[in-house]
Amino acid sequence: MDLDRTRDFYERVLGLTVGPRPDFPFPGLWMYRGDHGDVANAVVHIIGMDPNDPEGLKRYLGDRDLSSLTGSGALDHVAFFADGLSDMLAHLNAIGVVPRERTVPSIGLHQLFLDDPNGLVVELNYPATEKASVA
């Protein structure tokens, strides 16, 4: 887990910001969407493992090894509802991130799929009507 690359992805791509995080016995970041004064806005919790002291994470979350902190593992992806598809597509294009796009007509959803630096898939869900206005 490269915390700096991961922080950069969620800041640059999704506009989240690093905010307060409890003093856990392992490295990590809480990424916020909105006011840092409300922990409910900490929508992404990123954990790392200190290779020189892995016991803090193991004591808190149970036995872990470095390989468990990459890729999707037991978690396939995370999904967020969003609006502003046109702006997001322009933003992604400007920073060189190419999303995979899908539309689910039966539920009126247009999806963007992105990969974070650790191989976790981030799904952004927009109203399909926004895609129709972009096309």
N, C-alpha and C. Protein backbone atom coordinates (compact mmCIF):
# COMPACT_ATOMS: atom_id res chain seq x y z
N MET A 1 0.86 -1.18 0.00
CA MET A 1 0.00 0.00 0.00
C MET A 1 0.89 1.23 0.00
N ASP A 2 0.75 2.02 -1.01
CA ASP A 2 1.49 3.28 -1.11
C ASP A 2 0.51 4.39 -0.71
N LEU A 3 0.60 4.83 0.55
CA LEU A 3 -0.37 5.81 1.06
C LEU A 3 -0.33 7.11 0.27
N ASP A 4 0.85 7.56 -0.16
CA ASP A 4 0.93 8.82 -0.90
C ASP A 4 0.23 8.72 -2.25
N ARG A 5 0.47 7.63 -3.00
CA ARG A 5 -0.20 7.45 -4.29
C ARG A 5 -1.71 7.28 -4.11
N THR A 6 -2.09 6.58 -3.07
CA THR A 6 -3.51 6.36 -2.81
C THR A 6 -4.19 7.68 -2.45
N ARG A 7 -3.58 8.46 -1.56
CA ARG A 7 -4.12 9.78 -1.20
C ARG A 7 -4.25 10.65 -2.45
N ASP A 8 -3.20 10.67 -3.26
CA ASP A 8 -3.22 11.49 -4.47
C ASP A 8 -4.37 11.09 -5.39
N PHE A 9 -4.61 9.79 -5.57
CA PHE A 9 -5.70 9.32 -6.42
C PHE A 9 -7.04 9.84 -5.92
N TYR A 10 -7.34 9.64 -4.64
CA TYR A 10 -8.65 10.03 -4.13
C TYR A 10 -8.81 11.55 -4.07
N GLU A 11 -7.72 12.29 -3.88
CA GLU A 11 -7.80 13.75 -3.93
C GLU A 11 -7.96 14.23 -5.36
N ARG A 12 -7.09 13.77 -6.23
CA ARG A 12 -7.03 14.28 -7.60
C ARG A 12 -8.21 13.81 -8.44
N VAL A 13 -8.57 12.55 -8.30
CA VAL A 13 -9.61 11.97 -9.15
C VAL A 13 -11.01 12.23 -8.59
N LEU A 14 -11.20 12.02 -7.30
CA LEU A 14 -12.55 12.13 -6.73
C LEU A 14 -12.78 13.40 -5.93
N GLY A 15 -11.74 14.21 -5.69
CA GLY A 15 -11.92 15.45 -4.96
C GLY A 15 -12.10 15.29 -3.46
N LEU A 16 -11.75 14.11 -2.92
CA LEU A 16 -11.83 13.92 -1.48
C LEU A 16 -10.63 14.59 -0.82
N THR A 17 -10.75 14.87 0.47
CA THR A 17 -9.66 15.51 1.21
C THR A 17 -9.32 14.71 2.46
N VAL A 18 -8.04 14.74 2.83
CA VAL A 18 -7.61 14.06 4.04
C VAL A 18 -8.09 14.85 5.24
N GLY A 19 -8.69 14.14 6.18
CA GLY A 19 -9.19 14.79 7.38
C GLY A 19 -8.79 14.02 8.63
N PRO A 20 -9.34 14.42 9.76
CA PRO A 20 -8.98 13.80 11.03
C PRO A 20 -9.24 12.30 11.05
N ARG A 21 -8.34 11.60 11.72
CA ARG A 21 -8.42 10.15 11.86
C ARG A 21 -7.99 9.81 13.28
N PRO A 22 -8.67 8.88 13.94
CA PRO A 22 -8.22 8.49 15.28
C PRO A 22 -6.77 8.02 15.26
N ASP A 23 -6.15 8.05 16.39
CA ASP A 23 -4.75 7.65 16.53
C ASP A 23 -4.65 6.13 16.62
N PHE A 24 -4.89 5.48 15.48
CA PHE A 24 -4.80 4.03 15.42
C PHE A 24 -3.33 3.59 15.47
N PRO A 25 -3.06 2.35 15.87
CA PRO A 25 -1.67 1.88 15.95
C PRO A 25 -1.14 1.36 14.61
N PHE A 26 -1.55 1.95 13.52
CA PHE A 26 -1.08 1.57 12.19
C PHE A 26 -1.30 2.77 11.27
N PRO A 27 -0.54 2.85 10.18
CA PRO A 27 -0.68 3.99 9.28
C PRO A 27 -2.00 3.96 8.52
N GLY A 28 -2.44 5.11 8.09
CA GLY A 28 -3.66 5.18 7.30
C GLY A 28 -4.13 6.60 7.11
N LEU A 29 -5.22 6.73 6.38
CA LEU A 29 -5.83 8.02 6.07
C LEU A 29 -7.34 7.88 6.08
N TRP A 30 -8.01 8.94 6.49
CA TRP A 30 -9.45 9.03 6.29
C TRP A 30 -9.66 10.13 5.28
N MET A 31 -10.38 9.81 4.20
CA MET A 31 -10.66 10.75 3.12
C MET A 31 -12.11 11.21 3.26
N TYR A 32 -12.29 12.51 3.25
CA TYR A 32 -13.59 13.12 3.51
C TYR A 32 -14.20 13.72 2.24
N ARG A 33 -15.52 13.66 2.21
CA ARG A 33 -16.31 14.41 1.22
C ARG A 33 -17.15 15.38 2.03
N GLY A 34 -16.66 16.60 2.14
CA GLY A 34 -17.38 17.60 2.91
C GLY A 34 -16.64 17.97 4.19
N ASP A 35 -17.41 18.49 5.14
CA ASP A 35 -16.91 19.03 6.39
C ASP A 35 -16.10 18.00 7.19
N HIS A 36 -14.89 18.38 7.55
CA HIS A 36 -14.04 17.49 8.35
C HIS A 36 -14.51 17.38 9.79
N GLY A 37 -15.42 18.23 10.21
CA GLY A 37 -15.93 18.18 11.57
C GLY A 37 -16.94 17.08 11.81
N ASP A 38 -17.40 16.43 10.76
CA ASP A 38 -18.40 15.36 10.88
C ASP A 38 -17.78 14.07 10.35
N VAL A 39 -17.50 13.12 11.24
CA VAL A 39 -16.84 11.88 10.81
C VAL A 39 -17.69 11.07 9.84
N ALA A 40 -18.98 11.36 9.75
CA ALA A 40 -19.82 10.68 8.76
C ALA A 40 -19.38 11.04 7.34
N ASN A 41 -18.65 12.14 7.18
CA ASN A 41 -18.14 12.54 5.87
C ASN A 41 -16.83 11.84 5.51
N ALA A 42 -16.28 11.04 6.41
CA ALA A 42 -15.07 10.27 6.13
C ALA A 42 -15.50 9.02 5.35
N VAL A 43 -15.63 9.16 4.05
CA VAL A 43 -16.24 8.12 3.23
C VAL A 43 -15.28 7.03 2.77
N VAL A 44 -13.98 7.29 2.82
CA VAL A 44 -13.00 6.27 2.45
C VAL A 44 -11.97 6.17 3.57
N HIS A 45 -11.84 4.97 4.14
CA HIS A 45 -10.84 4.72 5.18
C HIS A 45 -9.76 3.84 4.56
N ILE A 46 -8.54 4.37 4.54
CA ILE A 46 -7.42 3.66 3.92
C ILE A 46 -6.50 3.20 5.03
N ILE A 47 -6.12 1.92 4.98
CA ILE A 47 -5.20 1.41 5.99
C ILE A 47 -3.91 0.97 5.33
N GLY A 48 -2.85 1.05 6.09
CA GLY A 48 -1.55 0.58 5.63
C GLY A 48 -0.94 -0.30 6.70
N MET A 49 0.16 -0.89 6.35
CA MET A 49 0.88 -1.72 7.31
C MET A 49 2.31 -1.21 7.36
N ASP A 50 2.78 -0.91 8.56
CA ASP A 50 4.17 -0.52 8.74
C ASP A 50 5.00 -1.80 8.68
N PRO A 51 5.81 -1.98 7.62
CA PRO A 51 6.58 -3.21 7.50
C PRO A 51 7.57 -3.40 8.64
N ASN A 52 7.93 -2.32 9.33
CA ASN A 52 8.85 -2.42 10.47
C ASN A 52 8.12 -2.71 11.77
N ASP A 53 6.79 -2.57 11.76
CA ASP A 53 5.99 -2.82 12.96
C ASP A 53 4.58 -3.23 12.55
N PRO A 54 4.42 -4.43 11.99
CA PRO A 54 3.09 -4.86 11.53
C PRO A 54 2.13 -5.23 12.66
N GLU A 55 2.63 -5.29 13.89
CA GLU A 55 1.79 -5.75 15.01
C GLU A 55 0.64 -4.81 15.32
N GLY A 56 0.81 -3.49 15.09
CA GLY A 56 -0.28 -2.56 15.39
C GLY A 56 -1.53 -2.88 14.60
N LEU A 57 -1.37 -3.12 13.31
CA LEU A 57 -2.51 -3.47 12.47
C LEU A 57 -3.05 -4.85 12.83
N LYS A 58 -2.17 -5.80 13.07
CA LYS A 58 -2.61 -7.15 13.42
C LYS A 58 -3.40 -7.16 14.72
N ARG A 59 -2.94 -6.39 15.72
CA ARG A 59 -3.66 -6.34 17.00
C ARG A 59 -5.03 -5.71 16.84
N TYR A 60 -5.15 -4.72 15.95
CA TYR A 60 -6.42 -4.00 15.81
C TYR A 60 -7.41 -4.74 14.92
N LEU A 61 -6.96 -5.24 13.77
CA LEU A 61 -7.87 -5.84 12.80
C LEU A 61 -7.71 -7.34 12.64
N GLY A 62 -6.78 -7.94 13.33
CA GLY A 62 -6.53 -9.36 13.17
C GLY A 62 -5.36 -9.59 12.23
N ASP A 63 -4.98 -10.82 12.09
CA ASP A 63 -3.80 -11.16 11.30
C ASP A 63 -3.92 -10.66 9.87
N ARG A 64 -2.92 -9.94 9.41
CA ARG A 64 -2.85 -9.41 8.05
C ARG A 64 -1.44 -9.61 7.54
N ASP A 65 -1.31 -9.72 6.24
CA ASP A 65 0.01 -9.66 5.64
C ASP A 65 -0.05 -8.64 4.51
N LEU A 66 1.10 -8.23 4.02
CA LEU A 66 1.13 -7.17 3.01
C LEU A 66 0.31 -7.51 1.77
N SER A 67 0.28 -8.78 1.37
CA SER A 67 -0.47 -9.15 0.17
C SER A 67 -1.97 -8.95 0.34
N SER A 68 -2.46 -8.92 1.59
CA SER A 68 -3.89 -8.71 1.81
C SER A 68 -4.29 -7.25 1.63
N LEU A 69 -3.32 -6.36 1.46
CA LEU A 69 -3.62 -4.94 1.36
C LEU A 69 -3.55 -4.43 -0.07
N THR A 70 -3.56 -5.33 -1.05
CA THR A 70 -3.56 -4.91 -2.46
C THR A 70 -4.66 -5.64 -3.20
N GLY A 71 -5.08 -5.08 -4.31
CA GLY A 71 -6.12 -5.71 -5.12
C GLY A 71 -7.46 -5.68 -4.42
N SER A 72 -8.39 -6.41 -4.97
CA SER A 72 -9.74 -6.34 -4.43
C SER A 72 -10.00 -7.37 -3.34
N GLY A 73 -9.20 -8.44 -3.25
CA GLY A 73 -9.39 -9.42 -2.18
C GLY A 73 -10.84 -9.81 -2.04
N ALA A 74 -11.36 -9.77 -0.82
CA ALA A 74 -12.75 -10.13 -0.56
C ALA A 74 -13.70 -9.02 -0.98
N LEU A 75 -13.18 -7.82 -1.19
CA LEU A 75 -13.99 -6.69 -1.61
C LEU A 75 -13.74 -6.46 -3.09
N ASP A 76 -14.77 -6.51 -3.91
CA ASP A 76 -14.58 -6.34 -5.34
C ASP A 76 -14.46 -4.88 -5.73
N HIS A 77 -15.36 -4.03 -5.23
CA HIS A 77 -15.30 -2.61 -5.57
C HIS A 77 -16.15 -1.80 -4.61
N VAL A 78 -15.95 -0.49 -4.66
CA VAL A 78 -16.80 0.43 -3.90
C VAL A 78 -17.55 1.29 -4.90
N ALA A 79 -18.74 1.74 -4.53
CA ALA A 79 -19.57 2.51 -5.44
C ALA A 79 -20.09 3.76 -4.75
N PHE A 80 -20.11 4.85 -5.52
CA PHE A 80 -20.62 6.12 -5.04
C PHE A 80 -21.65 6.64 -6.03
N PHE A 81 -22.75 7.20 -5.52
CA PHE A 81 -23.68 7.92 -6.37
C PHE A 81 -23.11 9.31 -6.57
N ALA A 82 -23.28 9.86 -7.76
CA ALA A 82 -22.70 11.15 -8.09
C ALA A 82 -23.59 11.89 -9.07
N ASP A 83 -23.28 13.15 -9.28
CA ASP A 83 -23.89 13.91 -10.36
C ASP A 83 -22.79 14.78 -10.96
N GLY A 84 -23.07 15.33 -12.13
CA GLY A 84 -22.05 16.12 -12.81
C GLY A 84 -21.17 15.27 -13.72
N LEU A 85 -21.78 14.36 -14.45
CA LEU A 85 -21.04 13.44 -15.32
C LEU A 85 -20.15 14.18 -16.32
N SER A 86 -20.68 15.18 -16.98
CA SER A 86 -19.91 15.91 -17.97
C SER A 86 -18.65 16.52 -17.36
N ASP A 87 -18.80 17.13 -16.19
CA ASP A 87 -17.65 17.72 -15.52
C ASP A 87 -16.64 16.65 -15.12
N MET A 88 -17.11 15.51 -14.62
CA MET A 88 -16.19 14.44 -14.22
C MET A 88 -15.45 13.88 -15.43
N LEU A 89 -16.15 13.67 -16.54
CA LEU A 89 -15.47 13.16 -17.73
C LEU A 89 -14.41 14.14 -18.22
N ALA A 90 -14.70 15.43 -18.18
CA ALA A 90 -13.72 16.44 -18.57
C ALA A 90 -12.53 16.43 -17.61
N HIS A 91 -12.81 16.30 -16.32
CA HIS A 91 -11.76 16.24 -15.30
C HIS A 91 -10.86 15.03 -15.51
N LEU A 92 -11.47 13.87 -15.70
CA LEU A 92 -10.68 12.64 -15.90
C LEU A 92 -9.83 12.75 -17.16
N ASN A 93 -10.39 13.30 -18.22
CA ASN A 93 -9.64 13.48 -19.46
C ASN A 93 -8.44 14.41 -19.23
N ALA A 94 -8.66 15.48 -18.49
CA ALA A 94 -7.59 16.45 -18.23
C ALA A 94 -6.44 15.86 -17.43
N ILE A 95 -6.73 14.89 -16.56
CA ILE A 95 -5.66 14.30 -15.74
C ILE A 95 -5.19 12.95 -16.28
N GLY A 96 -5.71 12.56 -17.44
CA GLY A 96 -5.25 11.35 -18.10
C GLY A 96 -5.76 10.05 -17.52
N VAL A 97 -6.91 10.08 -16.88
CA VAL A 97 -7.52 8.86 -16.34
C VAL A 97 -8.63 8.42 -17.30
N VAL A 98 -8.54 7.20 -17.80
CA VAL A 98 -9.52 6.69 -18.76
C VAL A 98 -10.47 5.74 -18.02
N PRO A 99 -11.73 6.15 -17.85
CA PRO A 99 -12.68 5.27 -17.17
C PRO A 99 -13.25 4.22 -18.12
N ARG A 100 -13.75 3.15 -17.55
CA ARG A 100 -14.56 2.19 -18.30
C ARG A 100 -16.01 2.62 -18.05
N GLU A 101 -16.79 2.79 -19.13
CA GLU A 101 -18.16 3.28 -19.00
C GLU A 101 -19.17 2.20 -19.35
N ARG A 102 -20.23 2.15 -18.60
CA ARG A 102 -21.34 1.24 -18.86
C ARG A 102 -22.64 1.97 -18.53
N THR A 103 -23.70 1.63 -19.27
CA THR A 103 -25.03 2.14 -18.96
C THR A 103 -25.92 0.96 -18.62
N VAL A 104 -26.72 1.11 -17.57
CA VAL A 104 -27.67 0.09 -17.14
C VAL A 104 -29.06 0.68 -17.35
N PRO A 105 -29.62 0.51 -18.57
CA PRO A 105 -30.90 1.16 -18.89
C PRO A 105 -32.04 0.77 -17.97
N SER A 106 -32.05 -0.48 -17.50
CA SER A 106 -33.18 -0.95 -16.70
C SER A 106 -33.33 -0.20 -15.38
N ILE A 107 -32.26 0.41 -14.90
CA ILE A 107 -32.36 1.18 -13.65
C ILE A 107 -31.93 2.64 -13.85
N GLY A 108 -31.74 3.05 -15.10
CA GLY A 108 -31.43 4.45 -15.39
C GLY A 108 -30.11 4.93 -14.82
N LEU A 109 -29.07 4.09 -14.97
CA LEU A 109 -27.78 4.39 -14.36
C LEU A 109 -26.67 4.39 -15.41
N HIS A 110 -25.79 5.36 -15.34
CA HIS A 110 -24.57 5.36 -16.15
C HIS A 110 -23.39 5.26 -15.20
N GLN A 111 -22.51 4.30 -15.46
CA GLN A 111 -21.42 4.00 -14.54
C GLN A 111 -20.05 4.31 -15.14
N LEU A 112 -19.16 4.83 -14.29
CA LEU A 112 -17.75 4.97 -14.62
C LEU A 112 -17.00 4.06 -13.66
N PHE A 113 -16.05 3.28 -14.19
CA PHE A 113 -15.22 2.41 -13.37
C PHE A 113 -13.77 2.87 -13.48
N LEU A 114 -13.13 3.07 -12.33
CA LEU A 114 -11.75 3.53 -12.25
C LEU A 114 -10.99 2.56 -11.35
N ASP A 115 -9.69 2.46 -11.54
CA ASP A 115 -8.85 1.62 -10.67
C ASP A 115 -7.97 2.51 -9.82
N ASP A 116 -8.02 2.34 -8.50
CA ASP A 116 -7.12 3.11 -7.65
C ASP A 116 -5.72 2.50 -7.71
N PRO A 117 -4.72 3.14 -7.14
CA PRO A 117 -3.34 2.64 -7.26
C PRO A 117 -3.10 1.27 -6.65
N ASN A 118 -4.04 0.77 -5.86
CA ASN A 118 -3.89 -0.53 -5.21
C ASN A 118 -4.71 -1.63 -5.88
N GLY A 119 -5.33 -1.30 -7.01
CA GLY A 119 -6.11 -2.28 -7.74
C GLY A 119 -7.56 -2.39 -7.30
N LEU A 120 -8.01 -1.50 -6.43
CA LEU A 120 -9.41 -1.50 -6.02
C LEU A 120 -10.22 -0.73 -7.07
N VAL A 121 -11.35 -1.29 -7.46
CA VAL A 121 -12.20 -0.64 -8.46
C VAL A 121 -13.13 0.34 -7.75
N VAL A 122 -13.18 1.56 -8.28
CA VAL A 122 -14.09 2.60 -7.78
C VAL A 122 -15.14 2.82 -8.86
N GLU A 123 -16.40 2.66 -8.48
CA GLU A 123 -17.53 2.83 -9.39
C GLU A 123 -18.24 4.12 -9.06
N LEU A 124 -18.43 4.96 -10.07
CA LEU A 124 -19.19 6.20 -9.91
C LEU A 124 -20.48 6.06 -10.69
N ASN A 125 -21.61 6.23 -10.02
CA ASN A 125 -22.93 6.04 -10.62
C ASN A 125 -23.64 7.38 -10.82
N TYR A 126 -24.02 7.64 -12.08
CA TYR A 126 -24.68 8.88 -12.47
C TYR A 126 -26.05 8.54 -13.06
N PRO A 127 -26.99 9.48 -12.98
CA PRO A 127 -28.26 9.26 -13.68
C PRO A 127 -27.99 9.10 -15.18
N ALA A 128 -28.59 8.10 -15.80
CA ALA A 128 -28.38 7.85 -17.23
C ALA A 128 -28.80 9.05 -18.07
N THR A 129 -29.70 9.87 -17.54
CA THR A 129 -30.12 11.07 -18.28
C THR A 129 -28.94 12.02 -18.48
N GLU A 130 -27.98 12.00 -17.57
CA GLU A 130 -26.79 12.84 -17.73
C GLU A 130 -25.94 12.36 -18.91
N LYS A 131 -25.88 11.04 -19.10
CA LYS A 131 -25.12 10.51 -20.23
C LYS A 131 -25.77 10.91 -21.54
N ALA A 132 -27.09 10.89 -21.58
CA ALA A 132 -27.80 11.26 -22.80
C ALA A 132 -27.51 12.71 -23.17
N SER A 133 -27.35 13.57 -22.18
CA SER A 133 -27.08 14.98 -22.47
C SER A 133 -25.62 15.22 -22.84
N VAL A 134 -24.71 14.28 -22.50
CA VAL A 134 -23.29 14.40 -22.83
C VAL A 134 -23.05 13.88 -24.24
N ALA A 135 -23.80 12.86 -24.63
CA ALA A 135 -23.57 12.20 -25.92
C ALA A 135 -23.87 13.05 -27.12
